[in-house]
Amino acid sequence: MIIPIRCYSCGKPIAQVWEKFVEQVKKGEDPKKVLDSLGLERFCCRAQFLGHVDLIDDIAPFKKF
Protein backbone atom coordinates (compact mmCIF):
# COMPACT_ATOMS: atom_id res chain seq x y z
CA MET A 1 0.00 0.00 0.00
CA ILE A 2 2.58 2.55 1.09
CA ILE A 3 6.25 2.07 0.30
CA PRO A 4 8.09 1.00 3.48
CA ILE A 5 10.52 3.41 5.11
CA ARG A 6 13.28 0.81 5.15
CA CYS A 7 13.98 -2.26 3.06
CA TYR A 8 12.61 -5.36 4.78
CA SER A 9 15.77 -7.40 4.13
CA CYS A 10 18.75 -5.11 4.58
CA GLY A 11 17.29 -2.14 6.48
CA LYS A 12 18.48 0.54 4.04
CA PRO A 13 16.23 3.65 3.98
CA ILE A 14 14.39 3.65 0.65
CA ALA A 15 11.22 5.74 1.06
CA GLN A 16 12.89 9.07 0.32
CA VAL A 17 13.50 8.12 -3.34
CA TRP A 18 10.07 6.60 -4.07
CA GLU A 19 8.52 9.79 -5.52
CA LYS A 20 11.54 10.45 -7.73
CA PHE A 21 11.35 6.87 -9.01
CA VAL A 22 7.63 7.13 -9.84
CA GLU A 23 8.04 10.48 -11.60
CA GLN A 24 10.90 9.31 -13.79
CA VAL A 25 9.21 6.03 -14.72
CA LYS A 26 6.01 7.90 -15.66
CA LYS A 27 8.10 10.05 -17.99
CA GLY A 28 9.05 6.86 -19.85
CA GLU A 29 12.51 6.17 -18.51
CA ASP A 30 13.74 2.61 -18.02
CA PRO A 31 13.17 1.48 -14.39
CA LYS A 32 16.61 -0.20 -14.31
CA LYS A 33 18.39 3.02 -15.18
CA VAL A 34 16.27 5.00 -12.72
CA LEU A 35 17.08 2.61 -9.86
CA ASP A 36 20.78 2.78 -10.75
CA SER A 37 20.73 6.59 -10.75
CA LEU A 38 18.96 6.68 -7.37
CA GLY A 39 21.62 4.46 -5.81
CA LEU A 40 19.51 1.34 -5.25
CA GLU A 41 21.94 -1.44 -6.13
CA ARG A 42 20.85 -4.30 -3.87
CA PHE A 43 18.36 -6.80 -5.23
CA CYS A 44 16.21 -6.65 -2.11
CA CYS A 45 15.75 -2.87 -2.36
CA ARG A 46 15.08 -3.03 -6.09
CA ALA A 47 12.46 -5.71 -5.53
CA GLN A 48 10.63 -3.40 -3.08
CA PHE A 49 10.30 -0.78 -5.81
CA LEU A 50 9.53 -3.05 -8.74
CA GLY A 51 7.04 -5.20 -6.86
CA HIS A 52 5.19 -2.40 -5.10
CA VAL A 53 1.51 -1.81 -5.97
CA ASP A 54 0.25 1.59 -4.87
CA LEU A 55 -3.26 0.97 -3.48
CA ILE A 56 -3.54 3.81 -0.95
CA ASP A 57 -5.80 5.90 -3.22
CA ASP A 58 -8.17 2.94 -3.70
CA ILE A 59 -8.41 2.09 0.02
CA ALA A 60 -8.38 5.58 1.57
CA PRO A 61 -12.13 6.31 1.03
CA PHE A 62 -13.15 3.32 3.18
CA LYS A 63 -13.45 3.52 6.95
CA LYS A 64 -12.36 0.78 9.33
CA PHE A 65 -15.74 0.56 11.11
PDB file of N, CA and C in Angstrom:
ATOM      1  N   MET A   1       0.826  -1.191   0.000  1.00  0.00           N
ATOM      2  CA  MET A   1       0.000   0.000   0.000  1.00  0.00           C
ATOM      3  C   MET A   1       0.864   1.245   0.000  1.00  0.00           C
ATOM      4  N   ILE A   2       1.661   1.416   1.023  1.00  0.00           N
ATOM      5  CA  ILE A   2       2.576   2.549   1.087  1.00  0.00           C
ATOM      6  C   ILE A   2       3.986   1.968   1.095  1.00  0.00           C
ATOM      7  N   ILE A   3       4.883   2.577   0.363  1.00  0.00           N
ATOM      8  CA  ILE A   3       6.253   2.071   0.302  1.00  0.00           C
ATOM      9  C   ILE A   3       6.855   2.090   1.706  1.00  0.00           C
ATOM     10  N   PRO A   4       7.518   1.022   2.126  1.00  0.00           N
ATOM     11  CA  PRO A   4       8.091   0.997   3.476  1.00  0.00           C
ATOM     12  C   PRO A   4       9.238   2.002   3.622  1.00  0.00           C
ATOM     13  N   ILE A   5       9.440   2.458   4.828  1.00  0.00           N
ATOM     14  CA  ILE A   5      10.517   3.411   5.108  1.00  0.00           C
ATOM     15  C   ILE A   5      11.877   2.771   4.852  1.00  0.00           C
ATOM     16  N   ARG A   6      12.030   1.541   5.313  1.00  0.00           N
ATOM     17  CA  ARG A   6      13.282   0.808   5.147  1.00  0.00           C
ATOM     18  C   ARG A   6      13.022  -0.489   4.393  1.00  0.00           C
ATOM     19  N   CYS A   7      14.054  -0.980   3.736  1.00  0.00           N
ATOM     20  CA  CYS A   7      13.980  -2.265   3.056  1.00  0.00           C
ATOM     21  C   CYS A   7      13.786  -3.354   4.105  1.00  0.00           C
ATOM     22  N   TYR A   8      12.891  -4.299   3.819  1.00  0.00           N
ATOM     23  CA  TYR A   8      12.610  -5.365   4.776  1.00  0.00           C
ATOM     24  C   TYR A   8      13.816  -6.270   5.013  1.00  0.00           C
ATOM     25  N   SER A   9      14.643  -6.461   4.011  1.00  0.00           N
ATOM     26  CA  SER A   9      15.768  -7.397   4.131  1.00  0.00           C
ATOM     27  C   SER A   9      17.023  -6.780   4.731  1.00  0.00           C
ATOM     28  N   CYS A  10      17.461  -5.663   4.160  1.00  0.00           N
ATOM     29  CA  CYS A  10      18.751  -5.107   4.576  1.00  0.00           C
ATOM     30  C   CYS A  10      18.637  -3.904   5.508  1.00  0.00           C
ATOM     31  N   GLY A  11      17.479  -3.267   5.569  1.00  0.00           N
ATOM     32  CA  GLY A  11      17.293  -2.136   6.476  1.00  0.00           C
ATOM     33  C   GLY A  11      17.708  -0.792   5.922  1.00  0.00           C
ATOM     34  N   LYS A  12      18.076  -0.732   4.644  1.00  0.00           N
ATOM     35  CA  LYS A  12      18.478   0.543   4.038  1.00  0.00           C
ATOM     36  C   LYS A  12      17.254   1.441   3.859  1.00  0.00           C
ATOM     37  N   PRO A  13      17.346   2.726   4.207  1.00  0.00           N
ATOM     38  CA  PRO A  13      16.228   3.649   3.981  1.00  0.00           C
ATOM     39  C   PRO A  13      15.966   3.807   2.478  1.00  0.00           C
ATOM     40  N   ILE A  14      14.711   3.595   2.070  1.00  0.00           N
ATOM     41  CA  ILE A  14      14.388   3.651   0.645  1.00  0.00           C
ATOM     42  C   ILE A  14      13.217   4.577   0.329  1.00  0.00           C
ATOM     43  N   ALA A  15      12.439   4.978   1.312  1.00  0.00           N
ATOM     44  CA  ALA A  15      11.217   5.737   1.058  1.00  0.00           C
ATOM     45  C   ALA A  15      11.475   7.125   0.488  1.00  0.00           C
ATOM     46  N   GLN A  16      12.619   7.702   0.763  1.00  0.00           N
ATOM     47  CA  GLN A  16      12.885   9.073   0.323  1.00  0.00           C
ATOM     48  C   GLN A  16      13.058   9.181  -1.187  1.00  0.00           C
ATOM     49  N   VAL A  17      13.302   8.071  -1.888  1.00  0.00           N
ATOM     50  CA  VAL A  17      13.496   8.124  -3.336  1.00  0.00           C
ATOM     51  C   VAL A  17      12.301   7.571  -4.114  1.00  0.00           C
ATOM     52  N   TRP A  18      11.236   7.187  -3.413  1.00  0.00           N
ATOM     53  CA  TRP A  18      10.069   6.604  -4.073  1.00  0.00           C
ATOM     54  C   TRP A  18       9.411   7.576  -5.058  1.00  0.00           C
ATOM     55  N   GLU A  19       9.183   8.815  -4.650  1.00  0.00           N
ATOM     56  CA  GLU A  19       8.516   9.787  -5.520  1.00  0.00           C
ATOM     57  C   GLU A  19       9.356  10.101  -6.758  1.00  0.00           C
ATOM     58  N   LYS A  20      10.664  10.208  -6.583  1.00  0.00           N
ATOM     59  CA  LYS A  20      11.544  10.445  -7.732  1.00  0.00           C
ATOM     60  C   LYS A  20      11.469   9.284  -8.707  1.00  0.00           C
ATOM     61  N   PHE A  21      11.437   8.064  -8.176  1.00  0.00           N
ATOM     62  CA  PHE A  21      11.347   6.872  -9.010  1.00  0.00           C
ATOM     63  C   PHE A  21      10.053   6.878  -9.818  1.00  0.00           C
ATOM     64  N   VAL A  22       8.936   7.139  -9.167  1.00  0.00           N
ATOM     65  CA  VAL A  22       7.633   7.128  -9.840  1.00  0.00           C
ATOM     66  C   VAL A  22       7.573   8.201 -10.923  1.00  0.00           C
ATOM     67  N   GLU A  23       8.065   9.392 -10.628  1.00  0.00           N
ATOM     68  CA  GLU A  23       8.043  10.485 -11.605  1.00  0.00           C
ATOM     69  C   GLU A  23       8.846  10.139 -12.854  1.00  0.00           C
ATOM     70  N   GLN A  24      10.041   9.609 -12.650  1.00  0.00           N
ATOM     71  CA  GLN A  24      10.905   9.310 -13.786  1.00  0.00           C
ATOM     72  C   GLN A  24      10.373   8.149 -14.621  1.00  0.00           C
ATOM     73  N   VAL A  25       9.769   7.159 -13.976  1.00  0.00           N
ATOM     74  CA  VAL A  25       9.210   6.028 -14.721  1.00  0.00           C
ATOM     75  C   VAL A  25       7.980   6.471 -15.513  1.00  0.00           C
ATOM     76  N   LYS A  26       7.176   7.381 -14.939  1.00  0.00           N
ATOM     77  CA  LYS A  26       6.011   7.896 -15.665  1.00  0.00           C
ATOM     78  C   LYS A  26       6.419   8.697 -16.896  1.00  0.00           C
ATOM     79  N   LYS A  27       7.597   9.304 -16.843  1.00  0.00           N
ATOM     80  CA  LYS A  27       8.100  10.048 -17.995  1.00  0.00           C
ATOM     81  C   LYS A  27       8.557   9.117 -19.117  1.00  0.00           C
ATOM     82  N   GLY A  28       8.672   7.822 -18.819  1.00  0.00           N
ATOM     83  CA  GLY A  28       9.049   6.861 -19.848  1.00  0.00           C
ATOM     84  C   GLY A  28      10.461   6.331 -19.740  1.00  0.00           C
ATOM     85  N   GLU A  29      11.154   6.664 -18.673  1.00  0.00           N
ATOM     86  CA  GLU A  29      12.514   6.172 -18.512  1.00  0.00           C
ATOM     87  C   GLU A  29      12.505   4.704 -18.097  1.00  0.00           C
ATOM     88  N   ASP A  30      13.594   4.024 -18.364  1.00  0.00           N
ATOM     89  CA  ASP A  30      13.744   2.613 -18.019  1.00  0.00           C
ATOM     90  C   ASP A  30      13.896   2.477 -16.497  1.00  0.00           C
ATOM     91  N   PRO A  31      13.068   1.636 -15.850  1.00  0.00           N
ATOM     92  CA  PRO A  31      13.169   1.480 -14.390  1.00  0.00           C
ATOM     93  C   PRO A  31      14.554   1.051 -13.918  1.00  0.00           C
ATOM     94  N   LYS A  32      15.257   0.232 -14.696  1.00  0.00           N
ATOM     95  CA  LYS A  32      16.606  -0.200 -14.308  1.00  0.00           C
ATOM     96  C   LYS A  32      17.560   0.981 -14.208  1.00  0.00           C
ATOM     97  N   LYS A  33      17.506   1.853 -15.181  1.00  0.00           N
ATOM     98  CA  LYS A  33      18.393   3.017 -15.177  1.00  0.00           C
ATOM     99  C   LYS A  33      18.017   3.990 -14.066  1.00  0.00           C
ATOM    100  N   VAL A  34      16.724   4.116 -13.789  1.00  0.00           N
ATOM    101  CA  VAL A  34      16.274   5.003 -12.718  1.00  0.00           C
ATOM    102  C   VAL A  34      16.764   4.485 -11.369  1.00  0.00           C
ATOM    103  N   LEU A  35      16.626   3.188 -11.125  1.00  0.00           N
ATOM    104  CA  LEU A  35      17.084   2.609  -9.862  1.00  0.00           C
ATOM    105  C   LEU A  35      18.597   2.758  -9.711  1.00  0.00           C
ATOM    106  N   ASP A  36      19.328   2.589 -10.796  1.00  0.00           N
ATOM    107  CA  ASP A  36      20.778   2.783 -10.751  1.00  0.00           C
ATOM    108  C   ASP A  36      21.128   4.227 -10.405  1.00  0.00           C
ATOM    109  N   SER A  37      20.428   5.183 -11.006  1.00  0.00           N
ATOM    110  CA  SER A  37      20.730   6.593 -10.752  1.00  0.00           C
ATOM    111  C   SER A  37      20.356   7.015  -9.336  1.00  0.00           C
ATOM    112  N   LEU A  38      19.367   6.346  -8.738  1.00  0.00           N
ATOM    113  CA  LEU A  38      18.957   6.678  -7.371  1.00  0.00           C
ATOM    114  C   LEU A  38      19.821   5.989  -6.320  1.00  0.00           C
ATOM    115  N   GLY A  39      20.704   5.106  -6.739  1.00  0.00           N
ATOM    116  CA  GLY A  39      21.622   4.462  -5.805  1.00  0.00           C
ATOM    117  C   GLY A  39      21.083   3.180  -5.182  1.00  0.00           C
ATOM    118  N   LEU A  40      20.046   2.600  -5.761  1.00  0.00           N
ATOM    119  CA  LEU A  40      19.514   1.342  -5.249  1.00  0.00           C
ATOM    120  C   LEU A  40      20.154   0.202  -6.030  1.00  0.00           C
ATOM    121  N   GLU A  41      21.171  -0.411  -5.436  1.00  0.00           N
ATOM    122  CA  GLU A  41      21.935  -1.442  -6.126  1.00  0.00           C
ATOM    123  C   GLU A  41      21.625  -2.846  -5.634  1.00  0.00           C
ATOM    124  N   ARG A  42      21.136  -2.979  -4.417  1.00  0.00           N
ATOM    125  CA  ARG A  42      20.853  -4.304  -3.870  1.00  0.00           C
ATOM    126  C   ARG A  42      19.557  -4.849  -4.455  1.00  0.00           C
ATOM    127  N   PHE A  43      19.537  -6.160  -4.648  1.00  0.00           N
ATOM    128  CA  PHE A  43      18.356  -6.797  -5.232  1.00  0.00           C
ATOM    129  C   PHE A  43      17.139  -6.679  -4.332  1.00  0.00           C
ATOM    130  N   CYS A  44      17.344  -6.717  -3.021  1.00  0.00           N
ATOM    131  CA  CYS A  44      16.206  -6.647  -2.110  1.00  0.00           C
ATOM    132  C   CYS A  44      15.533  -5.278  -2.179  1.00  0.00           C
ATOM    133  N   CYS A  45      16.314  -4.220  -2.264  1.00  0.00           N
ATOM    134  CA  CYS A  45      15.751  -2.872  -2.359  1.00  0.00           C
ATOM    135  C   CYS A  45      15.064  -2.655  -3.709  1.00  0.00           C
ATOM    136  N   ARG A  46      15.669  -3.158  -4.756  1.00  0.00           N
ATOM    137  CA  ARG A  46      15.081  -3.029  -6.091  1.00  0.00           C
ATOM    138  C   ARG A  46      13.757  -3.778  -6.173  1.00  0.00           C
ATOM    139  N   ALA A  47      13.686  -4.921  -5.513  1.00  0.00           N
ATOM    140  CA  ALA A  47      12.456  -5.709  -5.525  1.00  0.00           C
ATOM    141  C   ALA A  47      11.323  -4.965  -4.823  1.00  0.00           C
ATOM    142  N   GLN A  48      11.644  -4.200  -3.773  1.00  0.00           N
ATOM    143  CA  GLN A  48      10.631  -3.404  -3.085  1.00  0.00           C
ATOM    144  C   GLN A  48       9.992  -2.404  -4.049  1.00  0.00           C
ATOM    145  N   PHE A  49      10.796  -1.796  -4.888  1.00  0.00           N
ATOM    146  CA  PHE A  49      10.296  -0.777  -5.810  1.00  0.00           C
ATOM    147  C   PHE A  49       9.566  -1.395  -6.997  1.00  0.00           C
ATOM    148  N   LEU A  50      10.121  -2.458  -7.550  1.00  0.00           N
ATOM    149  CA  LEU A  50       9.533  -3.049  -8.743  1.00  0.00           C
ATOM    150  C   LEU A  50       8.283  -3.865  -8.430  1.00  0.00           C
ATOM    151  N   GLY A  51       8.181  -4.397  -7.217  1.00  0.00           N
ATOM    152  CA  GLY A  51       7.035  -5.204  -6.856  1.00  0.00           C
ATOM    153  C   GLY A  51       5.945  -4.461  -6.114  1.00  0.00           C
ATOM    154  N   HIS A  52       6.140  -3.188  -5.870  1.00  0.00           N
ATOM    155  CA  HIS A  52       5.188  -2.402  -5.098  1.00  0.00           C
ATOM    156  C   HIS A  52       3.957  -2.040  -5.934  1.00  0.00           C
ATOM    157  N   VAL A  53       2.771  -2.216  -5.340  1.00  0.00           N
ATOM    158  CA  VAL A  53       1.515  -1.814  -5.973  1.00  0.00           C
ATOM    159  C   VAL A  53       0.906  -0.729  -5.094  1.00  0.00           C
ATOM    160  N   ASP A  54       0.730   0.451  -5.642  1.00  0.00           N
ATOM    161  CA  ASP A  54       0.249   1.589  -4.869  1.00  0.00           C
ATOM    162  C   ASP A  54      -1.276   1.566  -4.789  1.00  0.00           C
ATOM    163  N   LEU A  55      -1.817   1.109  -3.657  1.00  0.00           N
ATOM    164  CA  LEU A  55      -3.255   0.975  -3.476  1.00  0.00           C
ATOM    165  C   LEU A  55      -3.851   1.986  -2.504  1.00  0.00           C
ATOM    166  N   ILE A  56      -3.070   2.907  -1.983  1.00  0.00           N
ATOM    167  CA  ILE A  56      -3.541   3.811  -0.951  1.00  0.00           C
ATOM    168  C   ILE A  56      -4.713   4.667  -1.444  1.00  0.00           C
ATOM    169  N   ASP A  57      -4.702   5.082  -2.701  1.00  0.00           N
ATOM    170  CA  ASP A  57      -5.801   5.899  -3.216  1.00  0.00           C
ATOM    171  C   ASP A  57      -7.093   5.099  -3.346  1.00  0.00           C
ATOM    172  N   ASP A  58      -6.980   3.796  -3.576  1.00  0.00           N
ATOM    173  CA  ASP A  58      -8.171   2.944  -3.696  1.00  0.00           C
ATOM    174  C   ASP A  58      -8.766   2.621  -2.330  1.00  0.00           C
ATOM    175  N   ILE A  59      -7.952   2.524  -1.297  1.00  0.00           N
ATOM    176  CA  ILE A  59      -8.408   2.091   0.020  1.00  0.00           C
ATOM    177  C   ILE A  59      -8.758   3.262   0.923  1.00  0.00           C
ATOM    178  N   ALA A  60      -8.196   4.422   0.694  1.00  0.00           N
ATOM    179  CA  ALA A  60      -8.378   5.580   1.571  1.00  0.00           C
ATOM    180  C   ALA A  60      -9.848   5.979   1.777  1.00  0.00           C
ATOM    181  N   PRO A  61     -10.744   5.890   0.800  1.00  0.00           N
ATOM    182  CA  PRO A  61     -12.128   6.313   1.031  1.00  0.00           C
ATOM    183  C   PRO A  61     -12.892   5.442   2.033  1.00  0.00           C
ATOM    184  N   PHE A  62     -12.432   4.226   2.297  1.00  0.00           N
ATOM    185  CA  PHE A  62     -13.150   3.319   3.176  1.00  0.00           C
ATOM    186  C   PHE A  62     -12.757   3.509   4.632  1.00  0.00           C
ATOM    187  N   LYS A  63     -13.724   3.407   5.530  1.00  0.00           N
ATOM    188  CA  LYS A  63     -13.453   3.519   6.951  1.00  0.00           C
ATOM    189  C   LYS A  63     -13.291   2.131   7.556  1.00  0.00           C
ATOM    190  N   LYS A  64     -12.609   2.066   8.677  1.00  0.00           N
ATOM    191  CA  LYS A  64     -12.362   0.779   9.328  1.00  0.00           C
ATOM    192  C   LYS A  64     -13.638   0.207   9.917  1.00  0.00           C
ATOM    193  N   PHE A  65     -14.493   1.045  10.493  1.00  0.00           N
ATOM    194  CA  PHE A  65     -15.735   0.561  11.111  1.00  0.00           C
ATOM    195  C   PHE A  65     -16.934   1.167  10.471  1.00  0.00           C
TER     196      PHE A  65
END
